[in-house]
Amino acid sequence: MPGGASLTVLALNSGSSSLKFGLYAAGPSAAAPLITGEADFGGAAGTFRAEDSKGTPLVFEPSAMADQGEAVDRIIRLLADHGAPAPDAIGHRLVHGGPKLRAHCLIDDGVLKTLEAAAAFAPLHIPAALAVIRAADRRLPGLPRVACFDTAFHAAMPPVARVLPIPRALEAEGVQRYGFHGLSCESIVRQLGPSLPARLIIAHLGAGASVTAVRDGVSIDTSMGLTPTGGVIMATRSGDLDPGILLYLMREKGLDAAGLEDLLDRHSGMAGVSGLGGAMRRLIEAAPTSPDARLAIEMFAYSVGKQIAAMIAALGGVDLIVFTGGIGENDAEARAAICQPLNWIGVSLDPARNRAAANPISDPGFRVEVQVLPSREDEEIARHTAALLGGG
């Protein structure tokens, strides 16, 4: 790699039912992929895929992996089968570290205990990530491990955005706005490099979705709050709600904390509105004959557009909007629907360039530039791991 020696880093990016991975030659300023892929362990419908450094498929197969441990086993076999270099270190993505872990760090027993105590802040994500850490430890013992937090990018948010409008005593317990998709946001800032504008908005749109305001490379506000359930409407997550709805569900429907969590995280959002699940592709297919599917899609675009307008207010204007994430990168119609109501402030897409995702996708006659950039979370994990271990 440019800049001298590098470490071989295995980046493990854990979700609740999938595990993205990448083997990288990494230094503190750059990371070059060697093998990348994803393991879905959602039962009989799961898949396992991997590509080499040129994007050439190495494997694509159905898989009935039951959990994170089996997924880690399959990844290790893949690396061995293709003669990949043994990793020097492992970098893990952690969605949330709670109030005590707000910077990327080496993992030791103390960090693991702190993560276990923080599980209440992200019950969908932290237990799954801990399972991946333990599975990797058993199968690749003795390697240094690094935790990379999605919340780290937002740690310097000003109090006006970070503090929640509840009694301040709760803030000392960690009840505050944290923000998420931070590794994705970091990767966008890094890709822009010297072209980074003073006022940037990043719309990370996938099954989880958030909108972040970035001033001079620093997060100043973001749509998600205490947990990754807040903010815009998502595939199965509600986004922001009137708190009175939760009280109503507790009083009138008898829901406890576990019931509320299940409802808000797994059965709400576009899935709740449509009754057809939250996958955008499925909703688009159903939209011609399903008014509820059409409404779910419209509500998603409406919610994201409103949040972008809010972040424009937070920044006092906007120079560049970047779409990233699975929907943000691949759904031209969603990008157009989100941007159309923002014409009044100088946001408009060129239809042909938007369909082709050819940057910039904005109409040159309008003031605000719009781009589509890939989310490169795993590269950020590898780079941070190398930096903390002194690689490069």
Protein backbone atom coordinates (compact mmCIF):
# COMPACT_ATOMS: atom_id res chain seq x y z
CA MET A 1 0.00 0.00 0.00
CA PRO A 2 1.06 3.60 -0.48
CA GLY A 3 2.72 5.03 2.59
CA GLY A 4 4.59 1.94 3.75
CA ALA A 5 3.78 -1.27 5.58
CA SER A 6 0.24 -2.28 6.38
CA LEU A 7 -1.67 -4.71 8.55
CA THR A 8 -3.97 -7.41 7.24
CA VAL A 9 -7.26 -6.61 8.97
CA LEU A 10 -10.42 -8.69 9.02
CA ALA A 11 -13.33 -6.25 9.31
CA LEU A 12 -16.55 -7.73 10.70
CA ASN A 13 -19.67 -5.60 10.31
CA SER A 14 -22.43 -7.18 12.34
CA GLY A 15 -26.17 -6.83 11.81
CA SER A 16 -29.02 -8.57 13.59
CA SER A 17 -29.35 -11.22 10.84
CA SER A 18 -26.30 -10.73 8.63
CA LEU A 19 -22.55 -10.31 8.83
CA LYS A 20 -20.65 -8.24 6.28
CA PHE A 21 -16.93 -8.88 6.16
CA GLY A 22 -13.80 -7.75 4.43
CA LEU A 23 -10.12 -8.66 4.51
CA TYR A 24 -8.04 -5.53 3.95
CA ALA A 25 -4.45 -4.45 3.60
CA ALA A 26 -4.83 -1.43 5.84
CA GLY A 27 -2.89 1.53 7.11
CA PRO A 28 -4.14 4.51 9.13
CA SER A 29 -5.03 6.54 6.04
CA ALA A 30 -6.22 3.92 3.53
CA ALA A 31 -7.47 0.35 3.22
CA ALA A 32 -7.31 -1.86 0.11
CA PRO A 33 -9.80 -4.75 -0.08
CA LEU A 34 -8.52 -8.27 -0.66
CA ILE A 35 -11.76 -10.24 -0.20
CA THR A 36 -15.18 -8.88 0.75
CA GLY A 37 -18.61 -10.42 1.20
CA GLU A 38 -21.68 -10.98 3.31
CA ALA A 39 -23.24 -13.87 5.21
CA ASP A 40 -26.99 -13.92 5.82
CA PHE A 41 -28.06 -16.31 8.52
CA GLY A 42 -31.80 -15.86 8.30
CA GLY A 43 -32.61 -19.57 8.15
CA ALA A 44 -33.32 -21.49 4.95
CA ALA A 45 -33.39 -18.32 2.84
CA GLY A 46 -29.88 -17.25 3.87
CA THR A 47 -27.02 -16.74 1.42
CA PHE A 48 -23.25 -16.44 1.49
CA ARG A 49 -21.34 -14.42 -1.09
CA ALA A 50 -17.83 -13.12 -1.55
CA GLU A 51 -15.81 -11.20 -4.16
CA ASP A 52 -12.13 -10.63 -4.73
CA SER A 53 -10.34 -7.28 -4.89
CA LYS A 54 -11.54 -6.71 -8.48
CA GLY A 55 -15.17 -7.50 -7.67
CA THR A 56 -15.00 -10.93 -9.30
CA PRO A 57 -17.38 -13.35 -7.54
CA LEU A 58 -15.63 -16.06 -5.53
CA VAL A 59 -18.73 -17.73 -4.14
CA PHE A 60 -22.48 -17.24 -4.09
CA GLU A 61 -24.39 -20.00 -2.41
CA PRO A 62 -27.55 -20.64 -0.42
CA SER A 63 -26.82 -21.05 3.24
CA ALA A 64 -28.77 -22.15 6.27
CA MET A 65 -26.35 -20.67 8.80
CA ALA A 66 -28.13 -20.33 12.12
CA ASP A 67 -26.08 -17.68 13.87
CA GLN A 68 -23.00 -15.48 14.01
CA GLY A 69 -20.71 -18.35 15.00
CA GLU A 70 -21.54 -20.35 11.88
CA ALA A 71 -21.11 -17.21 9.77
CA VAL A 72 -17.62 -16.60 11.22
CA ASP A 73 -16.74 -20.26 10.57
CA ARG A 74 -17.75 -19.92 6.92
CA ILE A 75 -15.75 -16.71 6.49
CA ILE A 76 -12.61 -18.32 7.91
CA ARG A 77 -13.00 -21.34 5.60
CA LEU A 78 -13.43 -19.03 2.62
CA LEU A 79 -10.22 -17.15 3.41
CA ALA A 80 -8.31 -20.41 3.78
CA ASP A 81 -9.79 -21.89 0.57
CA HIS A 82 -8.59 -18.91 -1.44
CA GLY A 83 -5.14 -18.65 0.10
CA ALA A 84 -5.77 -15.27 1.70
CA PRO A 85 -3.17 -13.97 4.14
CA ALA A 86 -3.92 -14.60 7.79
CA PRO A 87 -5.32 -11.53 9.54
CA ASP A 88 -3.08 -9.59 11.91
CA ALA A 89 -6.07 -8.06 13.70
CA ILE A 90 -9.86 -7.97 13.72
CA GLY A 91 -11.96 -4.81 13.56
CA HIS A 92 -15.58 -4.94 14.71
CA ARG A 93 -18.40 -2.53 13.99
CA LEU A 94 -20.44 -1.61 17.07
CA VAL A 95 -23.62 0.36 16.47
CA HIS A 96 -23.67 1.68 20.03
CA GLY A 97 -21.21 1.82 22.91
CA GLY A 98 -23.47 3.61 25.36
CA PRO A 99 -22.33 6.78 27.16
CA LYS A 100 -18.92 5.44 28.18
CA LEU A 101 -17.59 4.33 24.79
CA ARG A 102 -17.66 7.20 22.30
CA ALA A 103 -14.31 6.65 20.54
CA HIS A 104 -12.90 3.69 18.59
CA CYS A 105 -10.79 1.57 20.93
CA LEU A 106 -8.96 -1.70 21.56
CA ILE A 107 -11.21 -4.40 22.98
CA ASP A 108 -10.30 -5.87 26.34
CA ASP A 109 -12.33 -7.46 29.13
CA GLY A 110 -13.31 -4.07 30.50
CA VAL A 111 -14.65 -2.92 27.13
CA LEU A 112 -16.64 -6.14 26.78
CA LYS A 113 -18.24 -5.60 30.19
CA THR A 114 -19.08 -2.01 29.27
CA LEU A 115 -20.68 -3.19 26.03
CA GLU A 116 -22.74 -5.78 27.87
CA ALA A 117 -24.00 -3.06 30.20
CA ALA A 118 -24.87 -0.85 27.20
CA ALA A 119 -27.06 -3.48 25.50
CA ALA A 120 -30.21 -1.63 26.63
CA PHE A 121 -29.31 1.23 24.28
CA ALA A 122 -29.39 -1.00 21.17
CA PRO A 123 -30.91 -4.40 22.02
CA LEU A 124 -31.18 -5.39 18.36
CA HIS A 125 -27.52 -4.71 17.64
CA ILE A 126 -25.20 -4.94 20.65
CA PRO A 127 -25.94 -8.59 21.58
CA ALA A 128 -25.44 -9.62 17.95
CA ALA A 129 -22.12 -7.75 17.77
CA LEU A 130 -20.95 -9.29 21.04
CA ALA A 131 -21.78 -12.73 19.64
CA VAL A 132 -19.57 -12.00 16.61
CA ILE A 133 -16.70 -10.79 18.85
CA ARG A 134 -16.86 -13.96 20.94
CA ALA A 135 -17.17 -16.22 17.90
CA ALA A 136 -14.11 -14.59 16.29
CA ASP A 137 -12.17 -14.88 19.55
CA ARG A 138 -12.84 -18.63 19.70
CA ARG A 139 -11.86 -19.24 16.10
CA LEU A 140 -8.98 -16.75 15.80
CA PRO A 141 -7.61 -16.58 19.35
CA GLY A 142 -4.93 -14.15 20.38
CA LEU A 143 -5.47 -11.51 17.70
CA PRO A 144 -5.79 -7.88 18.74
CA ARG A 145 -9.37 -6.64 18.45
CA VAL A 146 -10.70 -3.15 17.83
CA ALA A 147 -14.20 -1.77 18.38
CA CYS A 148 -15.34 0.87 15.89
CA PHE A 149 -18.45 2.76 17.00
CA ASP A 150 -21.13 4.30 14.80
CA THR A 151 -21.70 6.83 17.56
CA ALA A 152 -18.11 8.11 17.50
CA PHE A 153 -18.64 10.38 14.47
CA HIS A 154 -21.39 12.23 16.34
CA ALA A 155 -19.64 12.52 19.71
CA ALA A 156 -18.91 16.24 19.28
CA MET A 157 -22.48 17.31 18.48
CA PRO A 158 -23.31 20.61 20.22
CA PRO A 159 -25.64 20.52 23.24
CA VAL A 160 -28.50 22.10 21.28
CA ALA A 161 -28.65 18.91 19.19
CA ARG A 162 -27.36 16.35 21.70
CA VAL A 163 -29.43 17.19 24.80
CA LEU A 164 -32.97 15.77 24.86
CA PRO A 165 -35.90 17.82 26.25
CA ILE A 166 -36.34 15.75 29.41
CA PRO A 167 -35.02 16.29 32.98
CA ARG A 168 -31.29 16.88 32.76
CA ALA A 169 -30.61 14.30 35.49
CA LEU A 170 -31.31 11.58 32.91
CA GLU A 171 -28.49 12.86 30.71
CA ALA A 172 -25.99 11.69 33.33
CA GLU A 173 -27.36 8.18 32.82
CA GLY A 174 -26.66 8.38 29.11
CA VAL A 175 -30.08 9.45 27.85
CA GLN A 176 -29.10 11.77 25.00
CA ARG A 177 -28.93 11.93 21.21
CA TYR A 178 -26.11 9.69 20.00
CA GLY A 179 -26.60 9.39 16.25
CA PHE A 180 -25.71 6.38 14.13
CA HIS A 181 -24.36 5.36 10.70
CA GLY A 182 -21.22 7.20 11.80
CA LEU A 183 -18.81 4.89 9.98
CA SER A 184 -20.79 5.43 6.79
CA CYS A 185 -20.66 9.20 7.32
CA GLU A 186 -16.90 9.00 7.95
CA SER A 187 -16.47 7.13 4.68
CA ILE A 188 -18.37 9.83 2.76
CA VAL A 189 -16.27 12.61 4.28
CA ARG A 190 -13.12 10.65 3.42
CA GLN A 191 -14.23 10.05 -0.19
CA LEU A 192 -14.96 13.74 -0.70
CA GLY A 193 -11.45 14.63 0.51
CA PRO A 194 -10.40 18.10 -0.61
CA SER A 195 -13.82 18.57 -2.25
CA LEU A 196 -15.55 18.42 1.15
CA PRO A 197 -17.84 21.47 1.35
CA ALA A 198 -18.55 23.52 4.45
CA ARG A 199 -22.20 22.41 4.58
CA LEU A 200 -22.86 18.76 3.79
CA ILE A 201 -25.94 16.58 4.32
CA ILE A 202 -25.58 12.80 4.22
CA ALA A 203 -28.69 10.69 3.67
CA HIS A 204 -27.83 7.09 4.56
CA LEU A 205 -30.87 5.20 3.32
CA GLY A 206 -31.24 1.46 3.71
CA ALA A 207 -33.26 -0.81 5.97
CA GLY A 208 -32.03 1.59 8.63
CA ALA A 209 -32.03 5.23 7.53
CA SER A 210 -30.71 8.49 8.90
CA VAL A 211 -29.91 12.03 7.78
CA THR A 212 -26.85 13.86 9.16
CA ALA A 213 -25.77 17.51 8.98
CA VAL A 214 -21.99 17.91 8.66
CA ARG A 215 -20.24 21.26 9.01
CA ASP A 216 -16.57 21.36 7.99
CA GLY A 217 -16.36 17.57 8.35
CA VAL A 218 -17.97 17.44 11.83
CA SER A 219 -21.45 16.14 12.66
CA ILE A 220 -23.60 18.90 14.17
CA ASP A 221 -26.98 17.13 14.10
CA THR A 222 -28.51 13.85 12.98
CA SER A 223 -31.96 12.32 12.79
CA MET A 224 -31.48 9.22 14.97
CA GLY A 225 -31.48 9.79 18.70
CA LEU A 226 -30.91 7.64 21.77
CA THR A 227 -31.33 4.48 19.69
CA PRO A 228 -31.35 3.51 16.01
CA THR A 229 -35.17 3.37 16.16
CA GLY A 230 -35.59 7.15 15.97
CA GLY A 231 -35.62 9.61 13.09
CA VAL A 232 -37.08 8.95 9.66
CA ILE A 233 -39.44 6.12 8.75
CA MET A 234 -37.46 2.93 8.04
CA ALA A 235 -38.10 -0.55 6.69
CA THR A 236 -39.42 -2.03 9.93
CA ARG A 237 -38.61 0.73 12.44
CA SER A 238 -41.06 3.51 13.25
CA GLY A 239 -38.76 6.49 13.36
CA ASP A 240 -39.90 9.40 15.52
CA LEU A 241 -43.33 9.12 17.18
CA ASP A 242 -45.47 11.16 19.52
CA PRO A 243 -44.46 9.77 22.95
CA GLY A 244 -48.17 9.65 23.79
CA ILE A 245 -48.52 6.75 21.36
CA LEU A 246 -46.28 4.66 23.59
CA LEU A 247 -48.32 5.57 26.65
CA TYR A 248 -51.50 4.65 24.80
CA LEU A 249 -50.10 1.27 23.80
CA MET A 250 -49.03 0.58 27.37
CA ARG A 251 -52.36 1.62 28.91
CA GLU A 252 -54.83 0.38 26.32
CA LYS A 253 -53.02 -2.57 24.72
CA GLY A 254 -51.10 -3.78 27.74
CA LEU A 255 -47.72 -3.72 25.99
CA ASP A 256 -44.63 -3.95 28.17
CA ALA A 257 -41.09 -2.87 27.22
CA ALA A 258 -40.44 -6.06 25.22
CA GLY A 259 -43.74 -5.70 23.38
CA LEU A 260 -43.08 -2.07 22.52
CA GLU A 261 -39.58 -2.89 21.32
CA ASP A 262 -40.89 -5.67 19.07
CA LEU A 263 -43.63 -3.45 17.65
CA LEU A 264 -41.43 -0.41 17.00
CA ASP A 265 -38.33 -2.21 15.70
CA ARG A 266 -39.77 -5.15 13.76
CA HIS A 267 -43.35 -4.40 12.74
CA SER A 268 -43.51 -0.65 12.12
CA GLY A 269 -42.15 1.70 9.48
CA MET A 270 -42.90 0.76 5.88
CA ALA A 271 -43.68 -2.80 6.96
CA GLY A 272 -46.37 -1.59 9.34
CA VAL A 273 -47.94 0.76 6.82
CA SER A 274 -47.89 -1.64 3.88
CA GLY A 275 -48.59 -4.95 5.61
CA LEU A 276 -46.17 -6.42 3.06
CA GLY A 277 -42.82 -6.12 4.80
CA GLY A 278 -40.30 -3.31 4.64
CA ALA A 279 -38.12 -4.27 1.65
CA MET A 280 -38.27 -1.41 -0.86
CA ARG A 281 -38.02 -3.76 -3.84
CA ARG A 282 -41.04 -5.73 -2.62
CA LEU A 283 -43.03 -2.53 -2.10
CA ILE A 284 -42.18 -1.22 -5.56
CA GLU A 285 -43.34 -4.49 -7.10
CA ALA A 286 -46.61 -4.33 -5.16
CA ALA A 287 -47.27 -0.60 -5.62
CA PRO A 288 -49.27 -0.83 -8.90
CA THR A 289 -52.00 -2.84 -7.16
CA SER A 290 -51.49 -1.98 -3.48
CA PRO A 291 -52.45 1.49 -2.19
CA ASP A 292 -50.80 0.66 1.13
CA ALA A 293 -47.49 -0.17 -0.56
CA ARG A 294 -47.65 3.11 -2.47
CA LEU A 295 -48.40 5.00 0.73
CA ALA A 296 -45.44 3.38 2.52
CA ILE A 297 -43.08 4.45 -0.27
CA GLU A 298 -44.52 7.97 -0.30
CA MET A 299 -44.25 8.26 3.48
CA PHE A 300 -40.59 7.18 3.35
CA ALA A 301 -39.69 9.83 0.75
CA TYR A 302 -41.75 12.46 2.57
CA SER A 303 -40.06 11.67 5.90
CA VAL A 304 -36.54 11.82 4.45
CA GLY A 305 -37.27 15.04 2.55
CA LYS A 306 -38.56 16.72 5.72
CA GLN A 307 -35.46 15.63 7.61
CA ILE A 308 -33.15 16.97 4.90
CA ALA A 309 -34.97 20.31 5.12
CA ALA A 310 -34.47 20.28 8.90
CA MET A 311 -30.75 19.68 8.47
CA ILE A 312 -30.56 22.54 5.97
CA ALA A 313 -31.95 24.74 8.73
CA ALA A 314 -29.42 23.36 11.21
CA LEU A 315 -26.56 24.16 8.82
CA GLY A 316 -27.94 27.53 7.71
CA GLY A 317 -27.97 26.29 4.11
CA VAL A 318 -26.45 23.40 2.16
CA ASP A 319 -23.73 23.03 -0.45
CA LEU A 320 -23.91 19.27 -1.13
CA ILE A 321 -26.33 16.41 -0.44
CA VAL A 322 -24.95 12.86 -0.65
CA PHE A 323 -27.14 9.77 -0.92
CA THR A 324 -25.66 6.50 0.29
CA GLY A 325 -26.80 3.12 1.66
CA GLY A 326 -28.73 0.43 -0.21
CA ILE A 327 -31.70 2.61 -1.15
CA GLY A 328 -29.71 5.81 -1.43
CA GLU A 329 -27.23 4.28 -3.86
CA ASN A 330 -29.58 2.16 -5.96
CA ASP A 331 -33.07 3.68 -6.06
CA ALA A 332 -33.25 6.60 -8.50
CA GLU A 333 -37.01 6.99 -8.04
CA ALA A 334 -36.65 7.35 -4.28
CA ARG A 335 -33.92 9.99 -4.73
CA ALA A 336 -36.15 11.91 -7.16
CA ALA A 337 -39.18 11.75 -4.86
CA ILE A 338 -37.11 12.96 -1.90
CA CYS A 339 -35.56 15.87 -3.79
CA GLN A 340 -38.58 17.13 -5.74
CA PRO A 341 -40.16 19.02 -2.80
CA LEU A 342 -36.79 20.69 -2.14
CA ASN A 343 -36.72 22.52 -5.49
CA TRP A 344 -37.58 25.77 -3.72
CA ILE A 345 -34.25 25.76 -1.90
CA GLY A 346 -32.17 24.97 -4.97
CA VAL A 347 -32.26 21.14 -5.05
CA SER A 348 -33.19 19.47 -8.33
CA LEU A 349 -32.00 16.29 -10.05
CA ASP A 350 -31.05 15.75 -13.68
CA PRO A 351 -33.30 12.79 -14.61
CA ALA A 352 -30.79 11.03 -16.88
CA ARG A 353 -27.84 11.47 -14.54
CA ASN A 354 -29.95 10.39 -11.58
CA ARG A 355 -31.02 7.18 -13.35
CA ALA A 356 -27.38 6.43 -14.18
CA ALA A 357 -26.10 7.56 -10.75
CA ALA A 358 -23.55 9.65 -12.69
CA ASN A 359 -22.18 12.30 -10.33
CA PRO A 360 -23.25 14.93 -9.90
CA ILE A 361 -26.84 13.79 -10.31
CA SER A 362 -28.16 17.31 -9.75
CA ASP A 363 -29.43 19.70 -12.43
CA PRO A 364 -26.56 22.10 -13.20
CA GLY A 365 -29.06 24.96 -13.33
CA PHE A 366 -29.75 24.62 -9.60
CA ARG A 367 -27.51 25.79 -6.78
CA VAL A 368 -27.18 22.66 -4.59
CA GLU A 369 -25.05 19.76 -5.82
CA VAL A 370 -26.31 16.21 -5.22
CA GLN A 371 -24.15 13.08 -5.43
CA VAL A 372 -24.43 9.32 -4.93
CA LEU A 373 -21.49 7.73 -3.11
CA PRO A 374 -20.99 4.20 -1.75
CA SER A 375 -21.02 3.56 1.97
CA ARG A 376 -17.61 2.09 2.83
CA GLU A 377 -18.04 1.23 6.48
CA ASP A 378 -15.78 -1.82 6.35
CA GLU A 379 -12.88 0.20 4.94
CA GLU A 380 -13.27 2.63 7.82
CA ILE A 381 -13.20 -0.28 10.29
CA ALA A 382 -9.99 -1.59 8.73
CA ARG A 383 -8.38 1.85 8.66
CA HIS A 384 -9.25 2.62 12.29
CA THR A 385 -8.00 -0.81 13.36
CA ALA A 386 -4.67 -0.23 11.65
CA ALA A 387 -4.39 3.27 13.13
CA LEU A 388 -5.02 2.09 16.70
CA LEU A 389 -2.51 -0.75 16.32
CA GLY A 390 0.14 1.42 14.71
CA GLY A 391 -0.06 -0.25 11.29
CA GLY A 392 1.38 1.63 8.34
